[in-house]
């Protein structure tokens, strides 16, 4: 059996030995290494390259079990627009009871004809769950020249 003084001396010798290890893996103070700094990009804003559709000609909401489908009919200035989407604003939370979306799409890669209204029409839809519709009194879709709203 070790005497208390012997235990203290043994412990001090052990601590001195481990501290002398410096950058060694045996030193428990070095087990996790030193901290490293990583700089975050400042003011990074994701910009949607798609523009707003020229105008919205029709907006309707079809109720379904578990939610609703928002259907928006847009009219761009020429044919060939693509990658259309209803982009939610306010992280898809209602603002004063209004759920708001922007009708966004990409222009054609080359020059295209104007064509008839029917040939330019773009239809886009988005499903919204019942949970997202809690507290919503109106759904609004925004275009470049106008916006349309439907009420519950």
C-alpha atoms as a PDB file:
ATOM      1  CA  UNK A   1       0.000   0.000   0.000  1.00  0.00           C
ATOM      2  CA  UNK A   2       1.314   3.471  -0.998  1.00  0.00           C
ATOM      3  CA  UNK A   3       1.604   6.267   1.466  1.00  0.00           C
ATOM      4  CA  UNK A   4      -0.261   9.525   0.688  1.00  0.00           C
ATOM      5  CA  UNK A   5       2.979  11.427   0.129  1.00  0.00           C
ATOM      6  CA  UNK A   6       4.169   8.775  -2.326  1.00  0.00           C
ATOM      7  CA  UNK A   7       0.882   9.029  -4.245  1.00  0.00           C
ATOM      8  CA  UNK A   8       1.253  12.802  -4.548  1.00  0.00           C
ATOM      9  CA  UNK A   9       4.843  12.540  -5.764  1.00  0.00           C
ATOM     10  CA  UNK A  10       3.890   9.821  -8.287  1.00  0.00           C
ATOM     11  CA  UNK A  11       1.010  11.945  -9.570  1.00  0.00           C
ATOM     12  CA  UNK A  12       3.249  15.016  -9.930  1.00  0.00           C
ATOM     13  CA  UNK A  13       5.878  12.996 -11.781  1.00  0.00           C
ATOM     14  CA  UNK A  14       3.207  11.607 -14.127  1.00  0.00           C
ATOM     15  CA  UNK A  15       1.802  15.067 -14.820  1.00  0.00           C
ATOM     16  CA  UNK A  16       5.313  16.432 -15.439  1.00  0.00           C
ATOM     17  CA  UNK A  17       6.036  13.573 -17.838  1.00  0.00           C
ATOM     18  CA  UNK A  18       2.813  14.104 -19.807  1.00  0.00           C
ATOM     19  CA  UNK A  19       3.336  17.894 -19.921  1.00  0.00           C
ATOM     20  CA  UNK A  20       6.860  17.330 -21.228  1.00  0.00           C
ATOM     21  CA  UNK A  21       5.403  15.423 -24.156  1.00  0.00           C
ATOM     22  CA  UNK A  22       4.592  18.800 -25.772  1.00  0.00           C
ATOM     23  CA  UNK A  23       2.861  18.088 -29.091  1.00  0.00           C
ATOM     24  CA  UNK A  24       2.769  14.333 -28.448  1.00  0.00           C
ATOM     25  CA  UNK A  25      -0.453  12.366 -28.685  1.00  0.00           C
ATOM     26  CA  UNK A  26       0.223  11.131 -25.167  1.00  0.00           C
ATOM     27  CA  UNK A  27      -0.505  14.599 -23.798  1.00  0.00           C
ATOM     28  CA  UNK A  28      -4.262  14.710 -23.061  1.00  0.00           C
ATOM     29  CA  UNK A  29      -4.251  18.485 -23.584  1.00  0.00           C
ATOM     30  CA  UNK A  30      -3.448  17.871 -27.261  1.00  0.00           C
ATOM     31  CA  UNK A  31      -6.021  15.182 -27.964  1.00  0.00           C
ATOM     32  CA  UNK A  32      -8.378  17.521 -29.826  1.00  0.00           C
ATOM     33  CA  UNK A  33      -5.743  19.699 -31.407  1.00  0.00           C
ATOM     34  CA  UNK A  34      -5.707  23.432 -31.710  1.00  0.00           C
ATOM     35  CA  UNK A  35      -8.632  25.456 -32.936  1.00  0.00           C
ATOM     36  CA  UNK A  36      -8.724  26.469 -36.591  1.00  0.00           C
ATOM     37  CA  UNK A  37     -10.436  29.524 -37.970  1.00  0.00           C
ATOM     38  CA  UNK A  38     -12.692  29.260 -40.993  1.00  0.00           C
ATOM     39  CA  UNK A  39     -13.955  32.458 -42.562  1.00  0.00           C
ATOM     40  CA  UNK A  40     -17.557  32.533 -43.722  1.00  0.00           C
ATOM     41  CA  UNK A  41     -18.494  34.362 -46.879  1.00  0.00           C
ATOM     42  CA  UNK A  42     -20.076  37.677 -45.989  1.00  0.00           C
ATOM     43  CA  UNK A  43     -23.331  38.925 -47.472  1.00  0.00           C
ATOM     44  CA  UNK A  44     -23.838  35.966 -49.771  1.00  0.00           C
ATOM     45  CA  UNK A  45     -27.224  36.357 -51.353  1.00  0.00           C
ATOM     46  CA  UNK A  46     -28.703  33.722 -53.605  1.00  0.00           C
ATOM     47  CA  UNK A  47     -30.282  35.514 -56.521  1.00  0.00           C
ATOM     48  CA  UNK A  48     -32.855  33.775 -58.688  1.00  0.00           C
ATOM     49  CA  UNK A  49     -31.815  34.374 -62.322  1.00  0.00           C
ATOM     50  CA  UNK A  50     -35.394  33.930 -63.482  1.00  0.00           C
ATOM     51  CA  UNK A  51     -37.493  36.993 -64.101  1.00  0.00           C
ATOM     52  CA  UNK A  52     -41.151  37.557 -63.361  1.00  0.00           C
ATOM     53  CA  UNK A  53     -43.685  36.502 -65.952  1.00  0.00           C
ATOM     54  CA  UNK A  54     -45.158  39.407 -67.942  1.00  0.00           C
ATOM     55  CA  UNK A  55     -48.673  39.073 -66.548  1.00  0.00           C
ATOM     56  CA  UNK A  56     -50.906  36.564 -64.837  1.00  0.00           C
ATOM     57  CA  UNK A  57     -54.063  35.895 -66.828  1.00  0.00           C
ATOM     58  CA  UNK A  58     -55.725  33.388 -64.479  1.00  0.00           C
ATOM     59  CA  UNK A  59     -55.282  32.039 -60.945  1.00  0.00           C
ATOM     60  CA  UNK A  60     -57.212  29.197 -59.357  1.00  0.00           C
ATOM     61  CA  UNK A  61     -56.840  26.965 -56.315  1.00  0.00           C
ATOM     62  CA  UNK A  62     -58.107  23.384 -56.359  1.00  0.00           C
ATOM     63  CA  UNK A  63     -58.770  21.782 -52.953  1.00  0.00           C
ATOM     64  CA  UNK A  64     -57.472  18.261 -52.428  1.00  0.00           C
ATOM     65  CA  UNK A  65     -57.365  15.923 -49.444  1.00  0.00           C
ATOM     66  CA  UNK A  66     -54.420  17.139 -47.381  1.00  0.00           C
ATOM     67  CA  UNK A  67     -54.065  20.542 -49.037  1.00  0.00           C
ATOM     68  CA  UNK A  68     -54.553  22.460 -52.271  1.00  0.00           C
ATOM     69  CA  UNK A  69     -52.952  22.985 -55.670  1.00  0.00           C
ATOM     70  CA  UNK A  70     -52.320  26.560 -56.776  1.00  0.00           C
ATOM     71  CA  UNK A  71     -52.574  26.901 -60.576  1.00  0.00           C
ATOM     72  CA  UNK A  72     -51.292  30.091 -62.180  1.00  0.00           C
ATOM     73  CA  UNK A  73     -51.522  30.897 -65.892  1.00  0.00           C
ATOM     74  CA  UNK A  74     -48.925  33.391 -67.089  1.00  0.00           C
ATOM     75  CA  UNK A  75     -48.337  35.250 -70.325  1.00  0.00           C
ATOM     76  CA  UNK A  76     -44.690  36.058 -71.172  1.00  0.00           C
ATOM     77  CA  UNK A  77     -43.864  38.509 -74.002  1.00  0.00           C
ATOM     78  CA  UNK A  78     -42.702  35.797 -76.474  1.00  0.00           C
ATOM     79  CA  UNK A  79     -42.731  32.041 -76.917  1.00  0.00           C
ATOM     80  CA  UNK A  80     -40.085  29.740 -75.466  1.00  0.00           C
ATOM     81  CA  UNK A  81     -40.030  30.716 -71.795  1.00  0.00           C
ATOM     82  CA  UNK A  82     -39.285  27.771 -69.537  1.00  0.00           C
ATOM     83  CA  UNK A  83     -38.296  26.612 -66.001  1.00  0.00           C
ATOM     84  CA  UNK A  84     -41.408  28.201 -64.528  1.00  0.00           C
ATOM     85  CA  UNK A  85     -42.086  28.051 -60.795  1.00  0.00           C
ATOM     86  CA  UNK A  86     -44.173  29.698 -58.119  1.00  0.00           C
ATOM     87  CA  UNK A  87     -41.481  30.975 -55.747  1.00  0.00           C
ATOM     88  CA  UNK A  88     -42.733  31.519 -52.187  1.00  0.00           C
ATOM     89  CA  UNK A  89     -42.097  34.752 -50.321  1.00  0.00           C
ATOM     90  CA  UNK A  90     -41.721  34.961 -46.510  1.00  0.00           C
ATOM     91  CA  UNK A  91     -40.459  31.346 -46.386  1.00  0.00           C
ATOM     92  CA  UNK A  92     -43.974  30.262 -47.388  1.00  0.00           C
ATOM     93  CA  UNK A  93     -45.523  31.628 -44.184  1.00  0.00           C
ATOM     94  CA  UNK A  94     -48.615  33.838 -44.451  1.00  0.00           C
ATOM     95  CA  UNK A  95     -48.151  37.541 -43.838  1.00  0.00           C
ATOM     96  CA  UNK A  96     -51.335  39.001 -42.341  1.00  0.00           C
ATOM     97  CA  UNK A  97     -53.247  36.004 -43.694  1.00  0.00           C
ATOM     98  CA  UNK A  98     -51.807  36.283 -47.224  1.00  0.00           C
ATOM     99  CA  UNK A  99     -49.645  33.536 -48.738  1.00  0.00           C
ATOM    100  CA  UNK A 100     -47.600  35.196 -51.511  1.00  0.00           C
ATOM    101  CA  UNK A 101     -45.717  33.723 -54.472  1.00  0.00           C
ATOM    102  CA  UNK A 102     -43.796  35.140 -57.420  1.00  0.00           C
ATOM    103  CA  UNK A 103     -44.335  33.592 -60.868  1.00  0.00           C
ATOM    104  CA  UNK A 104     -40.759  33.212 -62.142  1.00  0.00           C
ATOM    105  CA  UNK A 105     -39.403  31.733 -65.388  1.00  0.00           C
ATOM    106  CA  UNK A 106     -36.371  31.788 -67.677  1.00  0.00           C
ATOM    107  CA  UNK A 107     -36.392  33.454 -71.099  1.00  0.00           C
ATOM    108  CA  UNK A 108     -35.613  31.458 -74.243  1.00  0.00           C
ATOM    109  CA  UNK A 109     -31.953  31.062 -75.176  1.00  0.00           C
ATOM    110  CA  UNK A 110     -32.472  32.464 -78.662  1.00  0.00           C
ATOM    111  CA  UNK A 111     -34.743  35.013 -80.276  1.00  0.00           C
ATOM    112  CA  UNK A 112     -38.264  33.619 -80.651  1.00  0.00           C
ATOM    113  CA  UNK A 113     -41.505  34.725 -82.246  1.00  0.00           C
ATOM    114  CA  UNK A 114     -44.173  36.543 -80.338  1.00  0.00           C
ATOM    115  CA  UNK A 115     -46.922  34.198 -81.526  1.00  0.00           C
ATOM    116  CA  UNK A 116     -50.492  34.112 -80.299  1.00  0.00           C
ATOM    117  CA  UNK A 117     -51.529  34.493 -76.667  1.00  0.00           C
ATOM    118  CA  UNK A 118     -52.453  30.804 -76.479  1.00  0.00           C
ATOM    119  CA  UNK A 119     -49.029  29.724 -77.808  1.00  0.00           C
ATOM    120  CA  UNK A 120     -47.208  31.885 -75.218  1.00  0.00           C
ATOM    121  CA  UNK A 121     -49.259  30.809 -72.208  1.00  0.00           C
ATOM    122  CA  UNK A 122     -47.292  29.125 -69.398  1.00  0.00           C
ATOM    123  CA  UNK A 123     -49.032  27.163 -66.638  1.00  0.00           C
ATOM    124  CA  UNK A 124     -47.398  26.449 -63.306  1.00  0.00           C
ATOM    125  CA  UNK A 125     -48.739  24.669 -60.217  1.00  0.00           C
ATOM    126  CA  UNK A 126     -47.674  24.231 -56.590  1.00  0.00           C
ATOM    127  CA  UNK A 127     -49.031  21.961 -53.882  1.00  0.00           C
ATOM    128  CA  UNK A 128     -49.654  23.545 -50.489  1.00  0.00           C
ATOM    129  CA  UNK A 129     -50.428  21.334 -47.488  1.00  0.00           C
ATOM    130  CA  UNK A 130     -53.214  21.905 -44.979  1.00  0.00           C
ATOM    131  CA  UNK A 131     -50.565  22.788 -42.386  1.00  0.00           C
ATOM    132  CA  UNK A 132     -49.258  25.574 -44.622  1.00  0.00           C
ATOM    133  CA  UNK A 133     -52.798  26.834 -45.171  1.00  0.00           C
ATOM    134  CA  UNK A 134     -53.503  27.341 -41.458  1.00  0.00           C
ATOM    135  CA  UNK A 135     -54.360  31.016 -40.976  1.00  0.00           C
ATOM    136  CA  UNK A 136     -54.358  31.750 -44.730  1.00  0.00           C
ATOM    137  CA  UNK A 137     -57.267  33.859 -45.978  1.00  0.00           C
ATOM    138  CA  UNK A 138     -55.849  34.777 -49.392  1.00  0.00           C
ATOM    139  CA  UNK A 139     -53.290  33.441 -51.873  1.00  0.00           C
ATOM    140  CA  UNK A 140     -51.528  36.021 -54.036  1.00  0.00           C
ATOM    141  CA  UNK A 141     -49.307  35.483 -57.092  1.00  0.00           C
ATOM    142  CA  UNK A 142     -47.144  38.339 -58.384  1.00  0.00           C
ATOM    143  CA  UNK A 143     -46.126  39.015 -62.022  1.00  0.00           C
ATOM    144  CA  UNK A 144     -44.263  41.916 -63.605  1.00  0.00           C
ATOM    145  CA  UNK A 145     -47.354  43.860 -64.737  1.00  0.00           C
ATOM    146  CA  UNK A 146     -49.986  42.604 -62.307  1.00  0.00           C
ATOM    147  CA  UNK A 147     -50.854  40.271 -59.470  1.00  0.00           C
ATOM    148  CA  UNK A 148     -53.881  38.091 -58.826  1.00  0.00           C
ATOM    149  CA  UNK A 149     -55.435  37.003 -55.541  1.00  0.00           C
ATOM    150  CA  UNK A 150     -57.904  34.302 -54.595  1.00  0.00           C
ATOM    151  CA  UNK A 151     -59.814  34.278 -51.311  1.00  0.00           C
ATOM    152  CA  UNK A 152     -60.802  31.319 -49.194  1.00  0.00           C
END
